[in-house]
Amino acid sequence: MSAPRKIVFWRHGRTPWNAEQRFQGQTDIDLDEVGTGQAIRAAGMLATLEPSKIIASDLLRARATAKPGRGSPDRSSNPATGTSSLRGRAALTSGPG
């Protein structure tokens, strides 16, 4: 019997637009200095989970957060796969309900 599969959802690091509280949607904004530091720290934590695969959005901020080799030499042999199907979505409505 194989071990149960774990799925971990990880948010990208901070971008300049996050700091300005601007809506990004699918606009391709890279990490700022704070976000890069967050991604480095997150990589160390994520490496302890020993992922067999990393899948990220193809947007700069997500790819930079999931960058192979960041924070742990083990991740260099486990590159992230980027896909547009994981881009964030938002629904905007107006009026009641």
C-alpha atoms as a PDB file:
ATOM      1  CA  MET A   1       0.000   0.000   0.000  1.00  0.00           C
ATOM      2  CA  SER A   2       1.436   3.372  -0.972  1.00  0.00           C
ATOM      3  CA  ALA A   3       1.581   6.386   1.296  1.00  0.00           C
ATOM      4  CA  PRO A   4      -1.233   8.925   0.903  1.00  0.00           C
ATOM      5  CA  ARG A   5      -0.524  11.720  -1.564  1.00  0.00           C
ATOM      6  CA  LYS A   6      -0.172  15.223  -0.128  1.00  0.00           C
ATOM      7  CA  ILE A   7      -1.182  18.298  -2.094  1.00  0.00           C
ATOM      8  CA  VAL A   8       0.148  21.618  -0.822  1.00  0.00           C
ATOM      9  CA  PHE A   9      -1.078  24.995  -2.076  1.00  0.00           C
ATOM     10  CA  TRP A  10       1.501  27.757  -1.719  1.00  0.00           C
ATOM     11  CA  ARG A  11       0.919  31.428  -2.463  1.00  0.00           C
ATOM     12  CA  HIS A  12       3.517  33.459  -4.343  1.00  0.00           C
ATOM     13  CA  GLY A  13       5.728  35.992  -2.571  1.00  0.00           C
ATOM     14  CA  ARG A  14       4.925  39.700  -2.405  1.00  0.00           C
ATOM     15  CA  THR A  15       4.960  41.891  -5.503  1.00  0.00           C
ATOM     16  CA  PRO A  16       5.145  45.686  -5.753  1.00  0.00           C
ATOM     17  CA  TRP A  17       1.429  45.668  -6.580  1.00  0.00           C
ATOM     18  CA  ASN A  18       0.639  43.648  -3.425  1.00  0.00           C
ATOM     19  CA  ALA A  19       2.484  46.285  -1.379  1.00  0.00           C
ATOM     20  CA  GLU A  20       0.381  48.995  -3.053  1.00  0.00           C
ATOM     21  CA  GLN A  21      -2.827  46.948  -2.538  1.00  0.00           C
ATOM     22  CA  ARG A  22      -3.412  46.939  -6.296  1.00  0.00           C
ATOM     23  CA  PHE A  23      -5.365  44.162  -7.993  1.00  0.00           C
ATOM     24  CA  GLN A  24      -3.027  42.037 -10.169  1.00  0.00           C
ATOM     25  CA  GLY A  25      -5.264  39.398 -11.679  1.00  0.00           C
ATOM     26  CA  GLN A  26      -3.327  37.865 -14.551  1.00  0.00           C
ATOM     27  CA  THR A  27      -1.013  40.863 -15.046  1.00  0.00           C
ATOM     28  CA  ASP A  28       2.506  39.430 -15.069  1.00  0.00           C
ATOM     29  CA  ILE A  29       4.178  41.197 -12.104  1.00  0.00           C
ATOM     30  CA  ASP A  30       7.448  39.854 -10.653  1.00  0.00           C
ATOM     31  CA  LEU A  31       8.346  39.601  -6.955  1.00  0.00           C
ATOM     32  CA  ASP A  32       9.765  42.608  -5.131  1.00  0.00           C
ATOM     33  CA  GLU A  33      12.687  42.386  -2.684  1.00  0.00           C
ATOM     34  CA  VAL A  34      10.403  41.343   0.188  1.00  0.00           C
ATOM     35  CA  GLY A  35       8.735  38.714  -2.024  1.00  0.00           C
ATOM     36  CA  THR A  36      12.106  37.301  -3.059  1.00  0.00           C
ATOM     37  CA  GLY A  37      13.042  36.914   0.611  1.00  0.00           C
ATOM     38  CA  GLN A  38       9.687  35.253   1.295  1.00  0.00           C
ATOM     39  CA  ALA A  39      10.261  32.829  -1.586  1.00  0.00           C
ATOM     40  CA  ILE A  40      13.717  31.895  -0.282  1.00  0.00           C
ATOM     41  CA  ARG A  41      12.326  31.189   3.206  1.00  0.00           C
ATOM     42  CA  ALA A  42       9.336  29.315   1.777  1.00  0.00           C
ATOM     43  CA  ALA A  43      11.616  27.117  -0.329  1.00  0.00           C
ATOM     44  CA  GLY A  44      13.354  25.890   2.793  1.00  0.00           C
ATOM     45  CA  MET A  45      10.035  24.998   4.397  1.00  0.00           C
ATOM     46  CA  LEU A  46       8.712  23.399   1.224  1.00  0.00           C
ATOM     47  CA  ALA A  47      11.884  21.303   0.838  1.00  0.00           C
ATOM     48  CA  THR A  48      11.171  19.654   4.207  1.00  0.00           C
ATOM     49  CA  LEU A  49       7.977  18.260   2.663  1.00  0.00           C
ATOM     50  CA  GLU A  50      10.099  16.492   0.008  1.00  0.00           C
ATOM     51  CA  PRO A  51       7.783  17.205  -2.931  1.00  0.00           C
ATOM     52  CA  SER A  52       7.869  14.826  -5.868  1.00  0.00           C
ATOM     53  CA  LYS A  53       6.513  17.509  -8.188  1.00  0.00           C
ATOM     54  CA  ILE A  54       6.053  21.280  -8.120  1.00  0.00           C
ATOM     55  CA  ILE A  55       3.451  22.863 -10.396  1.00  0.00           C
ATOM     56  CA  ALA A  56       3.076  26.635 -10.567  1.00  0.00           C
ATOM     57  CA  SER A  57       1.315  29.254 -12.627  1.00  0.00           C
ATOM     58  CA  ASP A  58       3.360  30.487 -15.567  1.00  0.00           C
ATOM     59  CA  LEU A  59       3.262  34.077 -14.242  1.00  0.00           C
ATOM     60  CA  LEU A  60       6.598  35.580 -13.115  1.00  0.00           C
ATOM     61  CA  ARG A  61       5.641  35.862  -9.441  1.00  0.00           C
ATOM     62  CA  ALA A  62       4.621  32.204  -9.204  1.00  0.00           C
ATOM     63  CA  ARG A  63       7.587  30.918 -11.209  1.00  0.00           C
ATOM     64  CA  ALA A  64       9.996  32.977  -9.082  1.00  0.00           C
ATOM     65  CA  THR A  65       8.470  31.563  -5.890  1.00  0.00           C
ATOM     66  CA  ALA A  66       8.739  27.988  -7.209  1.00  0.00           C
ATOM     67  CA  LYS A  67      12.195  28.500  -8.777  1.00  0.00           C
ATOM     68  CA  PRO A  68      14.221  25.258  -8.694  1.00  0.00           C
ATOM     69  CA  GLY A  69      17.186  25.238  -6.344  1.00  0.00           C
ATOM     70  CA  ARG A  70      15.974  28.201  -4.280  1.00  0.00           C
ATOM     71  CA  GLY A  71      16.845  27.639  -0.638  1.00  0.00           C
ATOM     72  CA  SER A  72      17.645  23.932  -0.974  1.00  0.00           C
ATOM     73  CA  PRO A  73      20.024  21.991  -3.212  1.00  0.00           C
ATOM     74  CA  ASP A  74      17.479  19.135  -3.330  1.00  0.00           C
ATOM     75  CA  ARG A  75      15.079  21.215  -5.438  1.00  0.00           C
ATOM     76  CA  SER A  76      17.549  21.596  -8.300  1.00  0.00           C
ATOM     77  CA  SER A  77      16.746  18.010  -9.293  1.00  0.00           C
ATOM     78  CA  ASN A  78      13.011  18.689  -9.004  1.00  0.00           C
ATOM     79  CA  PRO A  79      12.167  21.548 -11.381  1.00  0.00           C
ATOM     80  CA  ALA A  80       8.839  23.320 -11.225  1.00  0.00           C
ATOM     81  CA  THR A  81       6.358  22.941 -14.063  1.00  0.00           C
ATOM     82  CA  GLY A  82       4.635  26.163 -15.145  1.00  0.00           C
ATOM     83  CA  THR A  83       1.092  26.179 -16.507  1.00  0.00           C
ATOM     84  CA  SER A  84      -1.341  28.923 -17.463  1.00  0.00           C
ATOM     85  CA  SER A  85      -4.206  26.839 -16.064  1.00  0.00           C
ATOM     86  CA  LEU A  86      -3.132  27.835 -12.536  1.00  0.00           C
ATOM     87  CA  ARG A  87      -3.382  31.581 -13.079  1.00  0.00           C
ATOM     88  CA  GLY A  88      -5.541  33.379 -10.522  1.00  0.00           C
ATOM     89  CA  ARG A  89      -9.127  34.122 -11.371  1.00  0.00           C
ATOM     90  CA  ALA A  90     -11.416  36.783  -9.983  1.00  0.00           C
ATOM     91  CA  ALA A  91     -15.112  37.385 -10.390  1.00  0.00           C
ATOM     92  CA  LEU A  92     -16.366  40.933 -10.243  1.00  0.00           C
ATOM     93  CA  THR A  93     -20.065  41.597  -9.799  1.00  0.00           C
ATOM     94  CA  SER A  94     -22.116  44.718  -9.476  1.00  0.00           C
ATOM     95  CA  GLY A  95     -25.498  45.386  -7.977  1.00  0.00           C
ATOM     96  CA  PRO A  96     -27.391  43.348  -5.386  1.00  0.00           C
ATOM     97  CA  GLY A  97     -26.745  39.702  -4.797  1.00  0.00           C
END
